Amino acid sequence: MRLNLGSGDQKKEGYVNVDVCGQPDVTCDLSVFPWPWASDSVDEVFSSHFLEHVADYERTILEIHRILKPGGRLAFRVPHYRSPLAVWHLHRWTFSTFTPRFLCLSIPYQWGGRQLFEQERLAVAVYMPGAWLNRLVSGLVSRNPIFWDVLGVPIKEIEFWGKKRP
């Protein structure tokens, strides 16, 4: 099973589209825990512009980790904190290119000292005039997004793909 969390009306083919609004396949309030999926039962969780809206980011990430099978995949897209998309009254969280790295580190004060995910890919989309220039610069910046983020490149959104660690 593959879930598209916070789908609204943006259904993703081959996924169970889940949200509390719009026309999802499954209507579920994702701010209420635990979610209705069993532990280790989901192959992939995808979300696009969902995590910045959640009331409890840590609990949401831990719930995603709980429902994913060992080796299951998490993929998400979020606005970069310097993007005009990030500054909206309905967004509770902001993200830099370093934020997803915290899912892949085992540090005592986060996630109970566990490494939740192993990063497979981190990519960004940038603001550039013209589609071809946008694709070109986004591809170049995605080779080392943290470096370019520190330099202040105009990043629009961040994409992360990771595999669940036990």
Protein backbone atom coordinates (compact mmCIF):
# COMPACT_ATOMS: atom_id res chain seq x y z
CA MET A 1 0.00 0.00 0.00
CA ARG A 2 1.19 3.53 -0.84
CA LEU A 3 -0.30 6.62 0.81
CA ASN A 4 -0.52 10.19 -0.44
CA LEU A 5 -1.00 12.18 2.76
CA GLY A 6 -2.70 15.57 2.64
CA SER A 7 -3.79 15.01 -0.94
CA GLY A 8 -6.86 17.24 -0.96
CA ASP A 9 -8.05 17.16 -4.57
CA GLN A 10 -4.54 16.41 -5.91
CA LYS A 11 -4.93 12.65 -6.29
CA LYS A 12 -1.85 10.62 -7.12
CA GLU A 13 -2.31 7.56 -9.33
CA GLY A 14 -1.40 4.27 -7.63
CA TYR A 15 -1.75 5.73 -4.12
CA VAL A 16 -4.45 5.81 -1.49
CA ASN A 17 -5.10 9.55 -1.31
CA VAL A 18 -5.80 10.70 2.25
CA ASP A 19 -7.01 14.04 3.62
CA VAL A 20 -9.72 15.63 5.73
CA CYS A 21 -10.78 17.96 2.90
CA GLY A 22 -11.26 17.81 -0.85
CA GLN A 23 -12.17 14.54 -2.55
CA PRO A 24 -9.62 12.01 -1.24
CA ASP A 25 -10.01 8.24 -1.43
CA VAL A 26 -9.95 8.09 2.38
CA THR A 27 -11.19 10.92 4.59
CA CYS A 28 -9.03 11.00 7.71
CA ASP A 29 -8.07 13.75 10.16
CA LEU A 30 -4.28 13.30 10.19
CA SER A 31 -3.97 15.46 13.32
CA VAL A 32 -5.58 12.65 15.35
CA PHE A 33 -3.18 9.90 16.44
CA PRO A 34 -2.74 7.02 16.04
CA TRP A 35 -3.63 6.85 12.37
CA PRO A 36 -5.84 3.96 11.20
CA TRP A 37 -3.00 1.98 9.57
CA ALA A 38 -1.24 -0.84 11.38
CA SER A 39 2.44 -0.61 12.27
CA ASP A 40 4.78 -1.72 9.48
CA SER A 41 1.92 -1.94 6.96
CA VAL A 42 2.66 0.77 4.37
CA ASP A 43 5.22 0.52 1.56
CA GLU A 44 5.48 4.25 0.79
CA VAL A 45 4.29 7.56 2.17
CA PHE A 46 4.24 10.57 -0.15
CA SER A 47 3.19 14.10 0.71
CA SER A 48 3.33 17.35 -1.18
CA HIS A 49 2.95 20.54 0.83
CA PHE A 50 1.45 18.72 3.82
CA LEU A 51 4.11 18.72 6.56
CA GLU A 52 4.22 22.52 6.86
CA HIS A 53 0.53 22.42 7.90
CA VAL A 54 0.61 19.77 10.65
CA ALA A 55 0.06 20.83 14.24
CA ASP A 56 2.60 18.36 15.67
CA TYR A 57 5.52 17.81 13.28
CA GLU A 58 7.40 15.38 15.53
CA ARG A 59 4.36 13.21 16.20
CA THR A 60 3.51 13.19 12.48
CA ILE A 61 7.01 12.05 11.52
CA LEU A 62 6.97 9.36 14.21
CA GLU A 63 3.54 8.18 12.99
CA ILE A 64 4.83 7.97 9.41
CA HIS A 65 7.79 5.96 10.69
CA ARG A 66 5.45 3.67 12.66
CA ILE A 67 3.20 2.77 9.72
CA LEU A 68 6.01 2.29 7.17
CA LYS A 69 7.34 -1.21 6.65
CA PRO A 70 11.05 -1.73 7.36
CA GLY A 71 12.80 -0.31 4.31
CA GLY A 72 9.59 1.55 3.37
CA ARG A 73 9.98 4.85 1.59
CA LEU A 74 9.10 8.39 2.64
CA ALA A 75 8.96 11.10 -0.02
CA PHE A 76 7.86 14.65 0.66
CA ARG A 77 7.88 18.11 -0.84
CA VAL A 78 7.81 21.25 1.33
CA PRO A 79 8.35 24.96 0.68
CA HIS A 80 11.77 26.38 1.51
CA TYR A 81 11.68 28.85 4.40
CA ARG A 82 12.80 31.78 2.21
CA SER A 83 10.11 31.08 -0.37
CA PRO A 84 7.05 33.33 -0.47
CA LEU A 85 5.09 30.05 -0.29
CA ALA A 86 6.43 29.42 3.23
CA VAL A 87 5.05 32.61 4.75
CA TRP A 88 1.36 31.88 4.91
CA HIS A 89 -0.88 31.95 7.98
CA LEU A 90 -1.83 28.27 7.49
CA HIS A 91 1.81 27.11 7.59
CA ARG A 92 3.06 26.16 11.04
CA TRP A 93 6.53 24.89 10.13
CA THR A 94 9.34 26.08 7.91
CA PHE A 95 12.07 24.01 6.28
CA SER A 96 15.60 24.51 5.06
CA THR A 97 17.59 22.02 3.02
CA PHE A 98 19.14 20.86 6.30
CA THR A 99 15.78 20.03 7.97
CA PRO A 100 15.38 16.60 6.31
CA ARG A 101 18.91 15.67 7.47
CA PHE A 102 17.59 15.58 11.03
CA LEU A 103 15.47 12.59 10.00
CA CYS A 104 18.71 10.84 9.07
CA LEU A 105 20.78 11.64 12.17
CA SER A 106 20.79 9.92 15.51
CA ILE A 107 21.09 12.68 18.06
CA PRO A 108 20.05 12.36 21.72
CA TYR A 109 17.50 15.18 21.76
CA GLN A 110 15.49 14.19 18.69
CA TRP A 111 13.48 11.07 17.80
CA GLY A 112 14.64 9.40 21.03
CA GLY A 113 18.19 9.30 19.71
CA ARG A 114 17.18 7.11 16.74
CA GLN A 115 18.00 7.56 13.09
CA LEU A 116 14.56 7.26 11.49
CA PHE A 117 15.46 7.36 7.80
CA GLU A 118 18.36 6.87 5.44
CA GLN A 119 18.45 9.62 2.84
CA GLU A 120 18.13 8.42 -0.74
CA ARG A 121 17.81 11.80 -2.40
CA LEU A 122 17.50 15.48 -1.59
CA ALA A 123 16.58 17.88 -4.38
CA VAL A 124 15.38 21.44 -4.71
CA ALA A 125 13.48 23.62 -7.13
CA VAL A 126 14.66 27.19 -7.52
CA TYR A 127 13.17 30.44 -8.78
CA MET A 128 14.64 31.30 -12.17
CA PRO A 129 13.12 33.03 -15.19
CA GLY A 130 12.24 30.58 -17.94
CA ALA A 131 11.47 26.89 -17.65
CA TRP A 132 14.75 25.65 -19.18
CA LEU A 133 16.88 27.86 -16.90
CA ASN A 134 14.79 26.80 -13.90
CA ARG A 135 15.36 23.09 -14.69
CA LEU A 136 19.07 23.62 -15.34
CA VAL A 137 19.77 25.60 -12.16
CA SER A 138 17.52 23.34 -10.05
CA GLY A 139 19.49 20.30 -11.28
CA LEU A 140 22.83 21.94 -10.50
CA VAL A 141 21.77 23.17 -7.07
CA SER A 142 20.31 19.72 -6.24
CA ARG A 143 23.81 18.23 -6.49
CA ASN A 144 24.70 19.97 -3.21
CA PRO A 145 21.56 21.73 -1.91
CA ILE A 146 22.84 22.54 1.58
CA PHE A 147 25.86 24.38 0.16
CA TRP A 148 23.72 26.47 -2.19
CA ASP A 149 21.14 27.11 0.54
CA VAL A 150 23.84 28.60 2.76
CA LEU A 151 24.89 30.85 -0.14
CA GLY A 152 21.31 32.12 -0.46
CA VAL A 153 20.23 30.69 -3.82
CA PRO A 154 16.47 31.40 -4.24
CA ILE A 155 15.11 27.93 -3.42
CA LYS A 156 11.37 27.46 -3.88
CA GLU A 157 10.83 23.97 -2.48
CA ILE A 158 12.64 20.97 -1.09
CA GLU A 159 12.08 17.33 -2.04
CA PHE A 160 13.27 14.50 0.17
CA TRP A 161 13.28 10.74 -0.41
CA GLY A 162 14.30 8.40 2.37
CA LYS A 163 14.12 4.78 3.43
CA LYS A 164 12.87 3.74 6.88
CA ARG A 165 15.50 2.50 9.28
CA PRO A 166 14.47 -0.05 11.87
